C-alpha atoms as a PDB file:
ATOM      1  CA  UNK A   1      38.978  87.511 -60.464  1.00  0.00           C
ATOM      2  CA  UNK A   2      35.796  86.847 -62.417  1.00  0.00           C
ATOM      3  CA  UNK A   3      34.843  84.081 -59.961  1.00  0.00           C
ATOM      4  CA  UNK A   4      35.219  86.489 -57.026  1.00  0.00           C
ATOM      5  CA  UNK A   5      33.000  89.044 -58.759  1.00  0.00           C
ATOM      6  CA  UNK A   6      30.401  86.369 -59.517  1.00  0.00           C
ATOM      7  CA  UNK A   7      30.363  85.284 -55.857  1.00  0.00           C
ATOM      8  CA  UNK A   8      29.940  88.917 -54.806  1.00  0.00           C
ATOM      9  CA  UNK A   9      26.877  89.308 -57.037  1.00  0.00           C
ATOM     10  CA  UNK A  10      25.067  86.275 -55.606  1.00  0.00           C
ATOM     11  CA  UNK A  11      26.055  86.858 -51.963  1.00  0.00           C
ATOM     12  CA  UNK A  12      22.982  87.735 -49.873  1.00  0.00           C
ATOM     13  CA  UNK A  13      24.767  88.611 -46.614  1.00  0.00           C
ATOM     14  CA  UNK A  14      24.073  92.143 -45.464  1.00  0.00           C
ATOM     15  CA  UNK A  15      21.170  92.665 -47.841  1.00  0.00           C
ATOM     16  CA  UNK A  16      18.679  92.832 -44.969  1.00  0.00           C
ATOM     17  CA  UNK A  17      20.698  95.517 -43.193  1.00  0.00           C
ATOM     18  CA  UNK A  18      20.792  97.586 -46.361  1.00  0.00           C
ATOM     19  CA  UNK A  19      17.037  97.173 -46.819  1.00  0.00           C
ATOM     20  CA  UNK A  20      16.364  98.245 -43.232  1.00  0.00           C
ATOM     21  CA  UNK A  21      18.625 101.248 -43.745  1.00  0.00           C
ATOM     22  CA  UNK A  22      16.728 102.247 -46.869  1.00  0.00           C
ATOM     23  CA  UNK A  23      13.395 101.876 -45.055  1.00  0.00           C
ATOM     24  CA  UNK A  24      14.701 104.035 -42.215  1.00  0.00           C
ATOM     25  CA  UNK A  25      15.756 106.780 -44.607  1.00  0.00           C
ATOM     26  CA  UNK A  26      12.380 106.634 -46.362  1.00  0.00           C
ATOM     27  CA  UNK A  27      10.515 106.815 -43.044  1.00  0.00           C
ATOM     28  CA  UNK A  28      12.615 109.758 -41.856  1.00  0.00           C
ATOM     29  CA  UNK A  29      11.967 111.579 -45.127  1.00  0.00           C
ATOM     30  CA  UNK A  30       8.234 110.932 -44.920  1.00  0.00           C
ATOM     31  CA  UNK A  31       8.097 112.196 -41.336  1.00  0.00           C
ATOM     32  CA  UNK A  32      10.023 115.321 -42.288  1.00  0.00           C
ATOM     33  CA  UNK A  33       7.524 116.028 -45.072  1.00  0.00           C
ATOM     34  CA  UNK A  34       4.490 115.363 -42.879  1.00  0.00           C
ATOM     35  CA  UNK A  35       5.691 117.327 -39.875  1.00  0.00           C
ATOM     36  CA  UNK A  36       7.008 120.270 -41.863  1.00  0.00           C
ATOM     37  CA  UNK A  37       8.590 123.136 -39.981  1.00  0.00           C
ATOM     38  CA  UNK A  38       7.275 125.498 -37.310  1.00  0.00           C
ATOM     39  CA  UNK A  39       5.425 127.663 -39.837  1.00  0.00           C
ATOM     40  CA  UNK A  40       3.696 124.992 -41.904  1.00  0.00           C
ATOM     41  CA  UNK A  41       2.539 121.418 -41.844  1.00  0.00           C
ATOM     42  CA  UNK A  42       1.401 119.296 -38.946  1.00  0.00           C
ATOM     43  CA  UNK A  43       3.257 121.240 -36.231  1.00  0.00           C
ATOM     44  CA  UNK A  44       1.652 124.517 -37.326  1.00  0.00           C
ATOM     45  CA  UNK A  45      -1.795 122.896 -37.305  1.00  0.00           C
ATOM     46  CA  UNK A  46      -1.276 121.604 -33.765  1.00  0.00           C
ATOM     47  CA  UNK A  47       0.004 124.994 -32.633  1.00  0.00           C
ATOM     48  CA  UNK A  48      -3.028 126.727 -34.116  1.00  0.00           C
ATOM     49  CA  UNK A  49      -5.389 124.242 -32.476  1.00  0.00           C
ATOM     50  CA  UNK A  50      -3.666 124.658 -29.112  1.00  0.00           C
ATOM     51  CA  UNK A  51      -3.943 128.454 -29.384  1.00  0.00           C
ATOM     52  CA  UNK A  52      -7.652 128.164 -30.190  1.00  0.00           C
ATOM     53  CA  UNK A  53      -8.219 125.952 -27.160  1.00  0.00           C
ATOM     54  CA  UNK A  54      -6.356 128.386 -24.897  1.00  0.00           C
ATOM     55  CA  UNK A  55      -8.439 131.311 -26.164  1.00  0.00           C
ATOM     56  CA  UNK A  56     -11.677 129.353 -25.672  1.00  0.00           C
ATOM     57  CA  UNK A  57     -10.864 128.596 -22.025  1.00  0.00           C
ATOM     58  CA  UNK A  58      -9.847 132.136 -21.041  1.00  0.00           C
ATOM     59  CA  UNK A  59     -12.367 133.856 -18.808  1.00  0.00           C
ATOM     60  CA  UNK A  60     -14.415 136.556 -20.492  1.00  0.00           C
END
């Protein structure tokens, strides 16, 4: 039983998949923080900019 546990600890198969999974979760979390929701963050800044552009191009 101890030998099986020792082999499990040194086995490197699947480690890359786990690392890629962790990077994916980290990237998704970072994007969620950067983008924010509709009322704050990057999306709100783009919405505000778009509204300003629309107002600037309306005929007087």
